[in-house]
C-alpha atoms as a PDB file:
ATOM      1  CA  GLN A   1      -0.082   0.106  -0.044  1.00  0.00           C
ATOM      2  CA  VAL A   2       1.531   3.446  -1.012  1.00  0.00           C
ATOM      3  CA  GLN A   3       1.082   6.119   1.449  1.00  0.00           C
ATOM      4  CA  LEU A   4       1.819   9.828   1.146  1.00  0.00           C
ATOM      5  CA  VAL A   5       2.185  12.007   4.066  1.00  0.00           C
ATOM      6  CA  GLU A   6       2.261  15.871   3.827  1.00  0.00           C
ATOM      7  CA  SER A   7       4.022  18.022   6.407  1.00  0.00           C
ATOM      8  CA  GLY A   8       5.126  21.718   6.618  1.00  0.00           C
ATOM      9  CA  GLY A   9       1.934  23.758   6.442  1.00  0.00           C
ATOM     10  CA  GLY A  10       0.832  26.460   8.735  1.00  0.00           C
ATOM     11  CA  LEU A  11       0.524  30.234   8.883  1.00  0.00           C
ATOM     12  CA  VAL A  12       2.758  32.663   7.333  1.00  0.00           C
ATOM     13  CA  GLN A  13       2.609  36.314   6.576  1.00  0.00           C
ATOM     14  CA  ALA A  14       2.436  37.597   2.993  1.00  0.00           C
ATOM     15  CA  GLY A  15       6.044  37.670   1.385  1.00  0.00           C
ATOM     16  CA  GLY A  16       7.236  34.866   3.589  1.00  0.00           C
ATOM     17  CA  SER A  17       8.373  31.377   2.719  1.00  0.00           C
ATOM     18  CA  MET A  18       7.298  27.906   3.514  1.00  0.00           C
ATOM     19  CA  ARG A  19       8.617  24.416   2.548  1.00  0.00           C
ATOM     20  CA  LEU A  20       6.267  21.509   2.291  1.00  0.00           C
ATOM     21  CA  SER A  21       7.357  17.922   2.455  1.00  0.00           C
ATOM     22  CA  CYS A  22       5.783  14.554   1.263  1.00  0.00           C
ATOM     23  CA  VAL A  23       7.153  11.357   2.413  1.00  0.00           C
ATOM     24  CA  VAL A  24       6.269   8.296   0.435  1.00  0.00           C
ATOM     25  CA  SER A  25       6.105   4.834   1.736  1.00  0.00           C
ATOM     26  CA  GLY A  26       5.228   1.462   0.435  1.00  0.00           C
ATOM     27  CA  ARG A  27       7.009   1.847  -2.711  1.00  0.00           C
ATOM     28  CA  THR A  28      10.258   3.458  -4.122  1.00  0.00           C
ATOM     29  CA  LEU A  29       9.700   7.108  -4.847  1.00  0.00           C
ATOM     30  CA  SER A  30      11.949   6.824  -8.036  1.00  0.00           C
ATOM     31  CA  THR A  31       9.193   4.849  -9.807  1.00  0.00           C
ATOM     32  CA  TYR A  32       6.844   7.782  -9.768  1.00  0.00           C
ATOM     33  CA  SER A  33       6.395  11.338 -11.090  1.00  0.00           C
ATOM     34  CA  MET A  34       5.305  13.540  -8.250  1.00  0.00           C
ATOM     35  CA  ALA A  35       2.967  16.473  -7.975  1.00  0.00           C
ATOM     36  CA  TRP A  36       1.582  19.078  -5.589  1.00  0.00           C
ATOM     37  CA  PHE A  37      -1.998  20.199  -5.931  1.00  0.00           C
ATOM     38  CA  ARG A  38      -3.993  22.820  -4.064  1.00  0.00           C
ATOM     39  CA  GLN A  39      -7.509  23.510  -3.180  1.00  0.00           C
ATOM     40  CA  ALA A  40      -9.099  26.568  -1.757  1.00  0.00           C
ATOM     41  CA  PRO A  41     -12.507  26.603  -0.193  1.00  0.00           C
ATOM     42  CA  GLY A  42     -15.244  26.385  -2.803  1.00  0.00           C
ATOM     43  CA  LYS A  43     -12.738  25.813  -5.616  1.00  0.00           C
ATOM     44  CA  GLU A  44     -11.551  22.936  -7.597  1.00  0.00           C
ATOM     45  CA  ARG A  45      -8.240  21.150  -7.001  1.00  0.00           C
ATOM     46  CA  VAL A  46      -5.593  22.360  -9.292  1.00  0.00           C
ATOM     47  CA  LEU A  47      -2.079  21.589 -10.209  1.00  0.00           C
ATOM     48  CA  VAL A  48       0.664  23.656  -8.575  1.00  0.00           C
ATOM     49  CA  ALA A  49       3.766  21.881  -9.543  1.00  0.00           C
ATOM     50  CA  ALA A  50       4.889  18.607 -11.036  1.00  0.00           C
ATOM     51  CA  ILE A  51       8.223  16.862 -11.549  1.00  0.00           C
ATOM     52  CA  ASN A  52       8.926  13.704 -13.465  1.00  0.00           C
ATOM     53  CA  TRP A  53      10.431  10.428 -12.118  1.00  0.00           C
ATOM     54  CA  GLY A  54      13.944  11.461 -13.515  1.00  0.00           C
ATOM     55  CA  GLY A  55      13.732  15.116 -12.142  1.00  0.00           C
ATOM     56  CA  ASN A  56      14.473  16.554 -15.497  1.00  0.00           C
ATOM     57  CA  GLN A  57      10.876  17.815 -16.400  1.00  0.00           C
ATOM     58  CA  GLN A  58       9.122  20.254 -14.020  1.00  0.00           C
ATOM     59  CA  GLU A  59       5.754  21.840 -14.613  1.00  0.00           C
ATOM     60  CA  TYR A  60       4.325  24.758 -12.837  1.00  0.00           C
ATOM     61  CA  ALA A  61       1.050  26.638 -12.687  1.00  0.00           C
ATOM     62  CA  ASP A  62       1.378  30.073 -14.082  1.00  0.00           C
ATOM     63  CA  SER A  63       0.260  31.799 -10.777  1.00  0.00           C
ATOM     64  CA  VAL A  64       3.362  30.128  -9.048  1.00  0.00           C
ATOM     65  CA  LYS A  65       6.136  30.264 -11.601  1.00  0.00           C
ATOM     66  CA  GLY A  66       9.217  32.076 -10.250  1.00  0.00           C
ATOM     67  CA  ARG A  67       8.042  31.695  -6.671  1.00  0.00           C
ATOM     68  CA  PHE A  68       7.556  27.893  -6.077  1.00  0.00           C
ATOM     69  CA  SER A  69      10.081  25.268  -6.700  1.00  0.00           C
ATOM     70  CA  ILE A  70       9.535  21.442  -6.718  1.00  0.00           C
ATOM     71  CA  SER A  71      12.272  18.995  -5.877  1.00  0.00           C
ATOM     72  CA  ARG A  72      12.614  15.291  -5.058  1.00  0.00           C
ATOM     73  CA  ASP A  73      15.016  13.389  -3.002  1.00  0.00           C
ATOM     74  CA  ASP A  74      14.627   9.747  -3.994  1.00  0.00           C
ATOM     75  CA  ALA A  75      16.998   8.514  -1.345  1.00  0.00           C
ATOM     76  CA  LYS A  76      14.740   9.923   1.381  1.00  0.00           C
ATOM     77  CA  ASN A  77      11.529   9.003  -0.503  1.00  0.00           C
ATOM     78  CA  THR A  78      10.600  12.687  -0.240  1.00  0.00           C
ATOM     79  CA  VAL A  79       9.306  15.417  -2.509  1.00  0.00           C
ATOM     80  CA  TYR A  80       9.436  18.986  -1.455  1.00  0.00           C
ATOM     81  CA  LEU A  81       7.616  22.251  -2.495  1.00  0.00           C
ATOM     82  CA  GLN A  82       9.618  25.372  -1.775  1.00  0.00           C
ATOM     83  CA  MET A  83       7.287  28.258  -1.781  1.00  0.00           C
ATOM     84  CA  ASN A  84       8.659  31.815  -1.576  1.00  0.00           C
ATOM     85  CA  SER A  85       7.012  35.290  -1.828  1.00  0.00           C
ATOM     86  CA  LEU A  86       3.851  33.880  -0.572  1.00  0.00           C
ATOM     87  CA  LYS A  87       0.531  35.844  -1.238  1.00  0.00           C
ATOM     88  CA  PRO A  88      -2.820  35.562   0.666  1.00  0.00           C
ATOM     89  CA  GLU A  89      -4.178  33.947  -2.651  1.00  0.00           C
ATOM     90  CA  ASP A  90      -1.846  30.926  -2.104  1.00  0.00           C
ATOM     91  CA  THR A  91      -4.009  30.086   0.872  1.00  0.00           C
ATOM     92  CA  ALA A  92      -5.209  26.506   0.343  1.00  0.00           C
ATOM     93  CA  GLY A  93      -4.897  22.873   1.291  1.00  0.00           C
ATOM     94  CA  TYR A  94      -2.056  21.450  -0.484  1.00  0.00           C
ATOM     95  CA  TYR A  95      -1.946  17.709  -1.499  1.00  0.00           C
ATOM     96  CA  CYS A  96       0.900  15.526  -2.769  1.00  0.00           C
ATOM     97  CA  ALA A  97       0.302  13.031  -5.389  1.00  0.00           C
ATOM     98  CA  ALA A  98       2.148  10.165  -7.036  1.00  0.00           C
ATOM     99  CA  GLY A  99       1.572   9.265 -10.584  1.00  0.00           C
ATOM    100  CA  ILE A 100       2.452   9.883 -14.236  1.00  0.00           C
ATOM    101  CA  LEU A 101       3.566  13.148 -15.804  1.00  0.00           C
ATOM    102  CA  SER A 102       3.109  13.297 -19.594  1.00  0.00           C
ATOM    103  CA  ARG A 103       5.620  15.096 -21.912  1.00  0.00           C
ATOM    104  CA  ASN A 104       2.995  17.687 -22.553  1.00  0.00           C
ATOM    105  CA  GLY A 105       2.507  18.473 -18.745  1.00  0.00           C
ATOM    106  CA  VAL A 106      -0.447  16.511 -17.867  1.00  0.00           C
ATOM    107  CA  PHE A 107      -0.279  14.827 -14.452  1.00  0.00           C
ATOM    108  CA  LEU A 108      -2.443  11.748 -13.552  1.00  0.00           C
ATOM    109  CA  GLY A 109      -2.368  10.876  -9.895  1.00  0.00           C
ATOM    110  CA  ASP A 110      -2.598   7.328  -8.643  1.00  0.00           C
ATOM    111  CA  TYR A 111      -2.027   7.980  -5.011  1.00  0.00           C
ATOM    112  CA  TRP A 112      -2.793  11.018  -2.756  1.00  0.00           C
ATOM    113  CA  GLY A 113      -1.952  12.383   0.583  1.00  0.00           C
ATOM    114  CA  GLN A 114      -4.279  13.842   3.069  1.00  0.00           C
ATOM    115  CA  GLY A 115      -3.136  17.299   2.620  1.00  0.00           C
ATOM    116  CA  THR A 116      -1.634  20.067   4.619  1.00  0.00           C
ATOM    117  CA  GLN A 117      -3.067  23.543   5.237  1.00  0.00           C
ATOM    118  CA  VAL A 118      -1.114  26.651   4.214  1.00  0.00           C
ATOM    119  CA  THR A 119      -2.570  30.000   5.269  1.00  0.00           C
ATOM    120  CA  VAL A 120      -1.070  33.303   4.152  1.00  0.00           C
ATOM    121  CA  SER A 121      -1.951  36.391   6.083  1.00  0.00           C
ATOM    122  CA  SER A 122      -1.987  39.710   4.601  1.00  0.00           C
END
């Protein structure tokens, strides 16, 4: 059974930084592409960032380009989301997913974490 556990969320002031972590257990991380999604109240879950299994393809939502960075450490079975210059509109539940990232940037999730809340105050 593959499990994903996110951590690192919380409350931060606008302009601040935060790093989210997602630890994968039950299967080697290196076999999956990984992604972070977010969902704000009353809105759909959307892709924030994705990275392929080799780490040489990364995709970002336009709203976070230049501010967020996704990375992976396969030795630690962990994927990270570094978030800088945070804005109140970044407030959402953030979810980690393991799956497949196509060459044209479409991510299909097979496994999902329970999420971690990020709140950015103005």
